[in-house]
Structures are given as structure tokens and as C-alpha cells.
Protein backbone atom coordinates (compact mmCIF):
# COMPACT_ATOMS: atom_id res chain seq x y z
CA MET A 1 11.08 41.02 1.67
CA ARG A 2 10.26 37.09 2.14
CA THR A 3 12.68 34.33 1.22
CA ALA A 4 12.42 31.45 -0.63
CA ALA A 5 11.84 29.75 2.13
CA THR A 6 9.80 31.81 4.41
CA THR A 7 7.15 31.67 1.07
CA GLN A 8 7.63 27.94 0.72
CA SER A 9 7.33 27.29 4.28
CA ILE A 10 3.57 30.14 3.75
CA SER A 11 2.31 28.00 1.05
CA THR A 12 2.24 24.52 2.50
CA GLN A 13 0.27 26.19 5.46
CA GLU A 14 -2.42 27.51 3.22
CA LYS A 15 -2.86 24.31 1.67
CA LEU A 16 -3.03 22.42 4.95
CA GLN A 17 -5.65 24.98 6.07
CA ALA A 18 -7.99 24.70 3.02
CA ALA A 19 -7.92 21.12 3.58
CA ALA A 20 -9.51 21.45 7.30
CA ARG A 21 -11.45 23.80 6.61
CA VAL A 22 -13.21 22.19 3.78
CA ALA A 23 -13.15 18.82 6.12
CA ALA A 24 -16.60 18.93 6.77
CA GLU A 25 -17.90 20.01 3.89
CA VAL A 26 -16.54 17.23 2.30
CA GLY A 27 -17.59 14.49 5.21
CA LEU A 28 -21.33 15.65 4.66
CA LEU A 29 -21.25 15.00 0.60
CA SER A 30 -24.25 12.15 0.01
CA THR A 31 -23.72 9.15 -1.32
CA GLU A 32 -25.02 9.57 -4.87
CA GLN A 33 -22.81 13.26 -4.80
CA LYS A 34 -19.59 11.54 -4.51
CA ASP A 35 -20.33 8.93 -6.53
CA GLN A 36 -21.33 11.45 -9.37
CA VAL A 37 -18.05 12.66 -8.75
CA LEU A 38 -15.72 9.63 -8.85
CA ALA A 39 -17.56 8.50 -12.52
CA ALA A 40 -16.92 12.09 -13.35
CA MET A 41 -13.08 11.68 -12.82
CA ALA A 42 -12.79 8.18 -14.33
CA VAL A 43 -14.28 10.23 -17.47
CA GLU A 44 -11.46 13.04 -17.19
CA ILE A 45 -8.21 10.60 -16.51
CA ARG A 46 -9.36 9.12 -19.65
CA SER A 47 -10.00 11.57 -21.90
CA GLN A 48 -6.69 13.33 -20.21
CA GLN A 49 -4.45 10.46 -21.42
CA ASP A 50 -2.07 12.20 -23.77
CA LEU A 51 -1.72 15.00 -21.00
CA ILE A 52 -0.86 12.57 -18.51
CA LEU A 53 1.51 10.56 -20.77
CA ALA A 54 3.27 13.42 -21.65
CA ALA A 55 3.60 14.66 -17.90
CA ASN A 56 5.01 11.65 -17.25
CA GLN A 57 7.32 11.64 -20.14
CA LYS A 58 9.01 14.52 -18.66
CA ASP A 59 9.75 13.00 -15.34
CA LEU A 60 11.19 9.89 -16.93
CA ALA A 61 13.33 12.17 -18.87
CA THR A 62 14.73 13.78 -15.98
CA SER A 63 15.02 11.04 -13.68
CA ASP A 64 18.50 8.72 -12.60
CA LEU A 65 16.24 6.15 -10.81
CA SER A 66 17.17 2.57 -10.86
CA SER A 67 15.25 -0.16 -13.19
CA SER A 68 12.58 -1.47 -10.21
CA SER A 69 11.74 2.82 -9.49
CA ARG A 70 11.34 3.67 -12.86
CA ASP A 71 9.24 1.29 -13.53
CA ARG A 72 7.21 2.47 -10.44
CA LEU A 73 7.46 5.59 -12.05
CA LEU A 74 6.48 4.53 -15.39
CA LEU A 75 2.47 5.42 -16.51
CA ASN A 76 0.98 4.16 -20.22
CA ALA A 77 -2.30 3.47 -21.78
CA LYS A 78 -2.87 0.34 -19.60
CA ARG A 79 -1.47 1.72 -16.48
CA ILE A 80 -3.83 5.34 -17.05
CA GLU A 81 -6.91 2.72 -17.96
CA ALA A 82 -6.07 0.60 -14.23
CA MET A 83 -6.62 4.54 -12.47
CA ALA A 84 -9.41 4.55 -14.04
CA GLU A 85 -11.20 1.42 -13.86
CA GLY A 86 -9.68 1.75 -9.19
CA VAL A 87 -11.48 4.82 -9.22
CA GLU A 88 -14.96 3.17 -11.20
CA ALA A 89 -14.02 0.70 -8.37
CA VAL A 90 -14.12 2.99 -5.64
CA ARG A 91 -17.48 3.92 -6.74
CA LYS A 92 -19.00 1.26 -6.68
CA CYS A 93 -18.18 0.06 -2.92
CA ALA A 94 -20.74 0.95 -0.20
CA ASP A 95 -19.78 3.75 1.23
CA PRO A 96 -19.35 3.67 4.77
CA VAL A 97 -19.87 7.10 6.12
CA GLY A 98 -22.79 6.66 8.77
CA GLU A 99 -22.58 3.13 8.43
CA VAL A 100 -23.99 1.96 11.81
CA LEU A 101 -21.66 -0.29 13.54
CA ALA A 102 -24.07 -1.37 16.67
CA GLU A 103 -26.77 0.37 18.40
CA TRP A 104 -28.79 -0.65 21.09
CA THR A 105 -31.06 0.39 24.65
CA ARG A 106 -30.35 0.97 27.69
CA PRO A 107 -32.71 0.26 30.81
CA ASN A 108 -32.57 4.03 31.33
CA GLY A 109 -34.12 4.03 27.69
CA LEU A 110 -31.11 5.95 26.57
CA ARG A 111 -30.42 4.69 23.11
CA ILE A 112 -26.98 4.01 21.55
CA ARG A 113 -25.75 3.60 18.29
CA LYS A 114 -22.01 3.17 16.92
CA ILE A 115 -21.68 4.82 13.08
CA ARG A 116 -18.60 5.65 11.20
CA VAL A 117 -17.80 9.20 10.68
CA PRO A 118 -14.64 10.73 8.37
CA LEU A 119 -11.13 10.99 9.42
CA GLY A 120 -11.02 14.41 8.56
CA VAL A 121 -8.12 15.36 6.60
CA VAL A 122 -5.63 12.66 5.14
CA GLY A 123 -1.87 13.39 4.65
CA ILE A 124 0.03 10.95 2.06
CA ILE A 125 4.37 11.07 1.92
CA TYR A 126 4.53 8.66 -0.87
CA GLU A 127 7.69 7.56 -3.77
CA SER A 128 7.45 7.56 -7.42
CA ARG A 129 4.15 5.66 -8.01
CA PRO A 130 1.40 7.89 -9.79
CA ASN A 131 -1.44 5.29 -9.60
CA VAL A 132 -1.24 6.46 -5.52
CA THR A 133 -2.47 9.81 -6.28
CA VAL A 134 -5.20 8.81 -7.92
CA ASP A 135 -6.28 6.10 -5.41
CA ALA A 136 -5.67 8.42 -2.25
CA VAL A 137 -8.31 10.68 -3.85
CA ALA A 138 -10.79 8.61 -4.82
CA LEU A 139 -10.59 7.20 -1.05
CA CYS A 140 -10.79 9.92 0.41
CA LEU A 141 -13.61 11.44 -1.18
CA LYS A 142 -15.25 8.42 -1.11
CA SER A 143 -14.73 7.80 2.91
CA GLY A 144 -15.49 11.24 3.29
CA ASN A 145 -12.06 13.27 3.94
CA ALA A 146 -9.74 15.99 2.17
CA VAL A 147 -6.70 14.68 1.25
CA VAL A 148 -3.08 15.76 1.17
CA LEU A 149 -0.33 14.63 -1.21
CA ARG A 150 3.17 14.53 -0.58
CA GLY A 151 4.92 12.94 -3.67
CA GLY A 152 8.00 12.07 -4.93
CA ARG A 153 10.07 14.86 -6.73
CA GLU A 154 10.58 12.55 -9.72
CA ALA A 155 6.88 11.97 -10.47
CA ALA A 156 5.87 16.16 -9.86
CA ALA A 157 5.26 16.89 -13.16
CA THR A 158 3.00 13.72 -13.62
CA ASN A 159 1.60 14.40 -10.04
CA GLU A 160 0.36 17.87 -10.75
CA ALA A 161 -1.06 16.68 -13.92
CA LEU A 162 -2.95 14.39 -12.18
CA VAL A 163 -3.86 16.32 -9.82
CA ARG A 164 -5.12 19.72 -12.18
CA ILE A 165 -7.62 17.14 -13.70
CA LEU A 166 -9.46 15.47 -9.94
CA GLN A 167 -8.95 19.02 -8.55
CA GLY A 168 -11.01 20.37 -12.40
CA THR A 169 -13.60 17.53 -12.06
CA HIS A 170 -17.12 18.46 -11.92
CA GLY A 171 -18.52 18.32 -7.79
CA MET A 172 -15.03 18.37 -5.89
CA PRO A 173 -15.43 20.75 -3.21
CA GLN A 174 -12.75 23.34 -3.84
CA GLY A 175 -9.48 22.37 -1.79
CA ALA A 176 -10.21 19.43 -0.70
CA ILE A 177 -7.71 18.00 -2.05
CA GLN A 178 -3.96 19.92 -1.95
CA LEU A 179 -0.31 18.78 -3.56
CA LEU A 180 2.42 20.20 -1.69
CA ASP A 181 5.49 20.73 -3.56
CA SER A 182 8.33 18.29 -3.10
CA SER A 183 11.07 19.92 -4.69
CA SER A 184 12.38 20.31 -1.09
CA ARG A 185 12.68 18.14 2.54
CA GLU A 186 10.51 21.08 4.01
CA SER A 187 7.23 20.32 2.98
CA ALA A 188 7.49 16.84 4.33
CA GLU A 189 8.18 18.20 7.01
CA GLU A 190 5.88 20.42 7.44
CA LEU A 191 3.53 17.88 6.97
CA MET A 192 4.89 15.24 9.85
CA ARG A 193 4.41 18.55 11.60
CA ALA A 194 0.72 19.45 11.07
CA ARG A 195 -0.86 18.49 14.16
CA GLY A 196 -4.25 19.84 14.24
CA LEU A 197 -4.96 20.46 10.18
CA VAL A 198 -3.99 16.52 9.50
CA ASP A 199 -5.71 13.73 11.15
CA VAL A 200 -3.46 11.10 10.04
CA LEU A 201 -0.72 10.26 7.93
CA VAL A 202 0.16 7.25 5.36
CA PRO A 203 3.86 6.93 4.70
CA ARG A 204 3.78 4.77 1.42
CA GLY A 205 7.87 3.88 -0.05
CA GLY A 206 10.94 2.20 0.81
CA ALA A 207 11.91 1.65 4.42
CA SER A 208 13.81 4.24 5.01
CA LEU A 209 11.08 6.55 4.05
CA ILE A 210 8.43 4.86 6.00
CA ASN A 211 11.02 4.97 8.88
CA ARG A 212 11.24 8.42 9.04
CA VAL A 213 7.51 9.23 8.76
CA VAL A 214 7.50 6.79 11.57
CA GLU A 215 9.58 8.90 13.98
CA GLU A 216 9.55 12.11 13.23
CA SER A 217 5.81 12.61 12.81
CA VAL A 218 3.69 13.93 15.35
CA VAL A 219 0.65 13.81 13.21
CA PRO A 220 -0.65 9.88 13.97
CA VAL A 221 0.61 7.32 11.33
CA ILE A 222 -1.33 4.30 9.65
CA GLU A 223 2.60 2.69 8.99
CA THR A 224 2.41 0.76 5.07
CA GLY A 225 5.65 -1.03 5.44
CA ALA A 226 8.31 -2.71 3.08
CA GLY A 227 7.68 -6.36 1.76
CA ASN A 228 10.06 -8.67 2.60
CA CYS A 229 7.92 -11.31 1.20
CA HIS A 230 8.20 -15.23 1.26
CA VAL A 231 7.75 -18.46 -0.30
CA TYR A 232 7.65 -21.18 1.19
CA VAL A 233 7.97 -24.50 -0.83
CA ASP A 234 7.34 -27.88 1.66
CA GLU A 235 7.13 -31.48 1.42
CA PHE A 236 4.13 -31.96 0.31
CA ALA A 237 4.24 -29.26 -2.46
CA ASP A 238 3.37 -30.07 -5.78
CA MET A 239 6.35 -29.17 -7.74
CA GLU A 240 4.51 -27.33 -11.22
CA MET A 241 2.33 -25.14 -8.64
CA ALA A 242 5.22 -24.15 -6.68
CA ASP A 243 7.13 -23.14 -10.39
CA SER A 244 3.91 -20.94 -11.15
CA ILE A 245 3.73 -19.38 -7.43
CA VAL A 246 7.37 -18.65 -7.64
CA ILE A 247 8.00 -17.38 -10.89
CA ASN A 248 5.35 -14.79 -10.11
CA ALA A 249 5.74 -13.86 -6.69
CA LYS A 250 8.94 -13.05 -8.19
CA THR A 251 9.01 -11.88 -11.66
CA GLN A 252 5.10 -10.44 -12.52
CA ARG A 253 6.20 -7.53 -10.96
CA PRO A 254 9.57 -6.89 -8.54
CA SER A 255 9.38 -3.51 -7.73
CA VAL A 256 6.13 -3.82 -5.51
CA CYS A 257 5.69 -4.34 -2.01
CA ASN A 258 3.89 -7.70 -2.49
CA ALA A 259 6.33 -9.37 -4.64
CA ALA A 260 8.17 -12.13 -3.23
CA GLU A 261 11.95 -11.90 -1.95
CA LYS A 262 12.69 -14.63 -0.20
CA LEU A 263 12.02 -18.74 -1.11
CA LEU A 264 12.84 -21.52 1.09
CA ILE A 265 12.64 -25.06 0.37
CA HIS A 266 11.94 -28.26 3.18
CA GLU A 267 14.94 -29.77 2.82
CA SER A 268 13.48 -33.17 1.70
CA ILE A 269 12.41 -31.87 -1.24
CA ALA A 270 14.97 -29.75 -1.50
CA PRO A 271 17.72 -32.00 -4.02
CA ALA A 272 14.96 -32.68 -6.52
CA TYR A 273 13.24 -29.01 -6.68
CA LEU A 274 15.97 -26.38 -5.57
CA PRO A 275 18.48 -27.02 -8.94
CA ARG A 276 14.80 -27.09 -11.04
CA ILE A 277 13.66 -23.63 -9.42
CA VAL A 278 16.80 -22.12 -9.79
CA SER A 279 16.94 -22.70 -13.48
CA LYS A 280 14.03 -21.39 -14.10
CA LEU A 281 14.62 -18.10 -11.79
CA LEU A 282 17.59 -17.74 -13.70
CA GLU A 283 16.28 -18.42 -17.06
CA ALA A 284 13.58 -15.42 -16.32
CA GLY A 285 16.58 -12.68 -15.36
CA VAL A 286 16.56 -13.62 -11.70
CA GLU A 287 19.74 -13.35 -9.60
CA LEU A 288 20.26 -15.33 -6.42
CA PHE A 289 21.10 -15.64 -3.66
CA GLY A 290 21.86 -18.84 -1.27
CA ASP A 291 22.84 -20.57 2.07
CA GLU A 292 25.69 -22.97 2.42
CA GLU A 293 22.93 -25.69 1.56
CA SER A 294 21.33 -24.35 -1.61
CA ARG A 295 24.43 -23.35 -3.70
CA ARG A 296 25.55 -27.25 -2.81
CA LEU A 297 22.92 -28.36 -4.30
CA ALA A 298 23.11 -25.53 -7.04
CA PRO A 299 26.59 -26.07 -7.54
CA ASP A 300 26.49 -24.94 -11.44
CA GLN A 301 24.48 -22.16 -10.77
CA LYS A 302 24.86 -19.00 -10.52
CA VAL A 303 24.13 -18.10 -6.97
CA SER A 304 25.79 -16.11 -4.87
CA PRO A 305 26.48 -16.25 -1.10
CA ALA A 306 23.98 -14.50 0.88
CA SER A 307 24.94 -12.60 3.98
CA LYS A 308 23.34 -11.68 7.10
CA GLU A 309 22.00 -8.72 5.52
CA ASP A 310 20.12 -10.47 2.48
CA TRP A 311 17.83 -12.05 5.17
CA TYR A 312 16.50 -8.81 5.70
CA THR A 313 16.65 -6.90 2.57
CA GLU A 314 13.33 -5.81 0.37
CA TYR A 315 15.08 -5.77 -3.06
CA LEU A 316 12.26 -4.28 -4.93
CA ASP A 317 14.08 -5.49 -8.23
CA LEU A 318 14.79 -9.42 -10.07
CA ARG A 319 16.82 -10.54 -7.11
CA MET A 320 16.38 -13.40 -4.52
CA ALA A 321 18.12 -14.93 -1.51
CA ILE A 322 16.58 -19.18 -0.46
CA ALA A 323 17.22 -21.15 1.88
CA VAL A 324 16.59 -24.87 2.44
CA VAL A 325 15.24 -25.08 5.47
CA HIS A 326 15.14 -28.35 8.04
CA SER A 327 10.94 -28.77 8.99
CA LEU A 328 8.25 -26.46 8.40
CA ASP A 329 8.25 -25.00 12.17
CA ASP A 330 12.15 -23.82 11.24
CA ALA A 331 10.13 -22.39 7.91
CA ILE A 332 8.06 -20.59 10.50
CA ALA A 333 10.67 -19.40 12.56
CA HIS A 334 12.38 -18.16 9.81
CA ILE A 335 9.38 -16.16 8.39
CA ASN A 336 9.28 -14.93 12.42
CA ARG A 337 12.44 -13.12 12.47
CA TYR A 338 13.41 -12.03 8.55
CA SER A 339 10.23 -10.54 7.22
CA THR A 340 8.61 -7.50 7.39
CA ARG A 341 5.04 -9.14 8.61
CA HIS A 342 3.64 -8.45 4.65
CA SER A 343 2.78 -10.89 2.97
CA ASP A 344 4.14 -15.15 3.03
CA SER A 345 2.77 -18.17 1.51
CA ILE A 346 3.06 -21.91 1.90
CA VAL A 347 3.11 -24.27 -0.94
CA THR A 348 2.14 -27.86 0.31
CA SER A 349 -0.88 -29.87 -0.45
CA ASP A 350 -1.16 -31.23 3.63
CA GLU A 351 -4.25 -29.10 5.16
CA THR A 352 -2.54 -29.30 8.35
CA ARG A 353 0.71 -28.04 7.77
CA ALA A 354 -1.17 -24.94 5.67
CA ALA A 355 -3.53 -24.04 9.19
CA ARG A 356 -0.41 -24.38 11.06
CA PHE A 357 1.13 -21.96 8.95
CA LEU A 358 -1.50 -19.64 8.29
CA ASN A 359 -2.04 -19.25 12.50
CA GLU A 360 1.57 -19.42 13.42
CA VAL A 361 3.38 -17.12 10.54
CA ASP A 362 2.59 -13.81 12.42
CA SER A 363 2.28 -11.36 8.82
CA ALA A 364 -0.95 -9.50 8.01
CA ALA A 365 -1.70 -11.51 5.00
CA VAL A 366 -0.80 -15.42 4.89
CA TYR A 367 -1.78 -18.12 2.06
CA TRP A 368 -1.92 -21.55 1.00
CA ASN A 369 -0.92 -22.01 -2.49
CA ALA A 370 -0.97 -18.87 -4.03
CA SER A 371 0.91 -15.89 -5.37
CA THR A 372 1.80 -13.31 -2.65
CA ARG A 373 1.35 -10.83 -5.65
CA PHE A 374 -2.58 -10.57 -4.66
CA THR A 375 -2.18 -8.85 -1.75
CA ASP A 376 -3.41 -5.58 -2.90
CA GLY A 377 -6.74 -4.09 -2.50
CA GLY A 378 -7.96 -4.07 -5.51
CA GLU A 379 -7.58 -8.15 -5.50
CA PHE A 380 -9.08 -7.92 -2.08
CA GLY A 381 -12.24 -6.78 -4.04
CA PHE A 382 -11.48 -2.53 -1.77
CA GLY A 383 -11.51 -1.05 -5.53
CA ALA A 384 -8.44 0.31 -3.90
CA GLU A 385 -6.47 0.79 -1.34
CA MET A 386 -4.42 3.43 0.13
CA GLY A 387 -1.59 0.86 1.31
CA ILE A 388 -0.47 -2.35 2.99
CA SER A 389 -0.61 -2.09 7.16
CA ASN A 390 1.14 -4.37 8.61
CA GLN A 391 0.86 -2.61 11.78
CA LYS A 392 -1.84 -3.74 14.39
CA LEU A 393 -3.44 -0.92 15.96
CA HIS A 394 -6.16 0.70 13.86
CA CYS A 395 -5.70 -1.34 10.54
CA ARG A 396 -3.90 -4.65 9.23
CA GLY A 397 -3.22 -5.41 5.55
CA PRO A 398 -4.42 -3.20 2.45
CA PHE A 399 -6.73 -1.10 4.38
CA GLY A 400 -8.79 1.25 2.06
CA LEU A 401 -12.45 2.88 2.80
CA PRO A 402 -13.50 1.25 6.12
CA GLU A 403 -9.85 2.62 7.64
CA LEU A 404 -10.08 6.24 6.39
CA THR A 405 -13.11 6.02 8.73
CA SER A 406 -13.43 6.72 12.99
CA THR A 407 -16.25 6.02 14.75
CA LYS A 408 -19.00 8.16 17.28
CA TYR A 409 -21.27 7.64 19.39
CA GLN A 410 -24.51 9.43 19.11
CA ILE A 411 -27.24 8.43 21.90
CA ILE A 412 -30.58 9.81 21.67
CA GLY A 413 -32.68 10.40 24.67
CA THR A 414 -36.31 11.51 26.00
CA GLY A 415 -34.66 13.98 28.82
CA GLN A 416 -32.71 11.63 30.91
CA ILE A 417 -29.93 12.65 33.79
CA ARG A 418 -27.49 10.68 35.67
CA THR A 419 -28.22 10.30 39.44
């Protein structure tokens, strides 16, 4: 008699093996075939809205998540429409598979070309954002990959509903989408050990999840990073522009990784600007922490002392820490010390200072006079994204279709042998 744990182990292994078996078939689909499936997916997502919302309400009713995590889990008509639009955007993107990256002829007559090919099986471990389920499936299909999904238990019903819809789409190869059980840690552990069945693993979520996957996985990992993002208001900033950028970066959707968590202000404008932006942030419901100088300049405001840990923390909530810096050099040094290398912005009218910031801040996305909230595959024109990578190997920043491929060389000869 098999135990429940053994049954779950077999079930997970069968799903991994099925994905590995079908991966070659997915990789051989034509652009036309893939686009037809993606178009049908968008139709199905819209037509099954009520079913998706019912499943999502079930998850919300049984969860004890924080407000920011509930926001990531929550679906509504607008967010479901955004899912469908994301699928359509991926369909319209150029197919990377088979793209010739370089081609040349050697003196001996050999013709060599470097082309894009699918990775094979892409695994993703993620937390409570159901839109990741749809984005991952669309991107993996278009890039010719099978996909293994391991979502969080808090979104189990929503993910099951979405995967049933996507698996049932006309033209989708059977087995190309696999959803692992999320009720225990064992399925995630098996996925991290599935070297030989899974070609690459992408973790998406908080720092603890990402660190666990990076440290424990024997499958190669594309690390998506937490977002301890900064906005630096320079001494030559337009204050109204700064207000708009800071408020948007912090409050437009605080639960996501590209929301700003830290605000740096140049000391020369801090006496005028800091009380002004503190008032606006408090009005927007943001809880504030500050260094000694920030608190001194806003004595009547509710700014709590910032601890050392605050400067490293990704809040994912309506919280923000503020520091006054002496110079552009200090701002750059502060960001490079404390940030997670995700997204950081300078607000300034001085082009030379902006250029220094853009060149010297060591992050995946660096902005001049714009909100950090634009670090997103859709906003960058990629259709959707698998995540935001802040590592430096293979890919960095929002990664989508091209980054879900590898390369191979095709060499065409006329009988050449090496002497």
C-alpha cells in the first residue's frame, strides 16, 4: 500500500516526465500554430471569467494573507482582461525560435550559423499572483517550451481553474502545461531536484522564496530578485515632477517588486522638499521611517526612526524609508550598498548628473525622471515577462521570449574534414 507522500511523489514525477516528453513537440510548433493557440487562450480566459472569479473568491475566503499579499492574489474583471490582453500581446511578438543571430563562412567553405532554440522545460515556483500562471504559459508556448508551474497554496483554486482552461485550449499539445500540487513543500523540492527533466527554474516571489530556490536547486536558476527600489530627488529636481514620480512609484501598486521602497533627497533641497513630500505621502496612507536628518526636517510629521534593517527591506506595502544625502556620490553609494539591483530612479533637470546616475547605479533598470513602476515586460514592449532578473548571467531586467531560448550552431559543409 502506498503512502500519501509516496503517491504525491509519483504524481509529481509523472508530471515532470510528461513535460519532458512533450517538450520537443512544443519546440517544433510553427509560429502560426502557436499564435492560433494563443489567440484561443485569450478568448477562453475572457469567456471563463465567472469561473475564474469564483475560484479566486474561494482562495480569498480561505486565506489569512496580509493586505499586500491579498492584493497580489485578488482578481477582478479588469485584471482578468489584462491577462487576456497580455496573451494577445505575446501572440503579436516576434517568434524567437529559429532566429538567425549570426551567420558566416569559414575559409574552408564551412557555413556556420547561430540560431535561437527553446530551452526545453521551464519550471517556475511562485507565490500568490495568478497572472503569473497565464504569463508563464503564454511566454513558454511562444518560445517553444513546456512549462511546469508550482504556485503558492494560497492561490491553489485560482491556478487550477486557469490551468484547466489553458490546457483545454484547442491546439495545445497534451502535457505541455503541468501544475504541481501546492499543498506541501515536497512538490517544490522535487522540482528543484529535477535536473535532467527540467532545464531551467525561475523563482518569483519574496526574498525568502527566491533565496531558498537559489540555494537548494540543482536545476539551473534564473534568479528574479526582490525589489528594494529607490527614488533619488536631486538638488536640480523639479519638485512637482518629483512629487508625481515619488507618489506613483510608492502608492500606485505597493505590493509589487518595482514599487519604490526608499526615498533619497539631496540636502540642499531637503528643507523645502522633505516636509512637502512627507505630507503628501502621509496623506496617501504611507507609513514613514527616516534617518535623523529626515526626522529633524519634519518634526511635526509622523516619521518613525529608521533601523539599519529598514534600508535593506523590501516592504511590499504602504511603507517607505527616507534619507537625506549630502551629494550625488552619496546617493549612488547608498543605492549600490542597500538596493537589490532591481530598479532605481533619479529626478533631476541636470543631464550630466543624470548620466552619472544612469551609468554608475548598478541595477537592472535605472531611470531618469520616471517612476520605477515601468520595470515590467508589458511596459517594455515584451508582451509579458517571466520575471525581473537582477542577476547578470544569461539575462537581466524584465525577461521574456528571447531569454526563454538558448542557442545552437548549425554547420553546413560540402565534405570537409579536419587535418
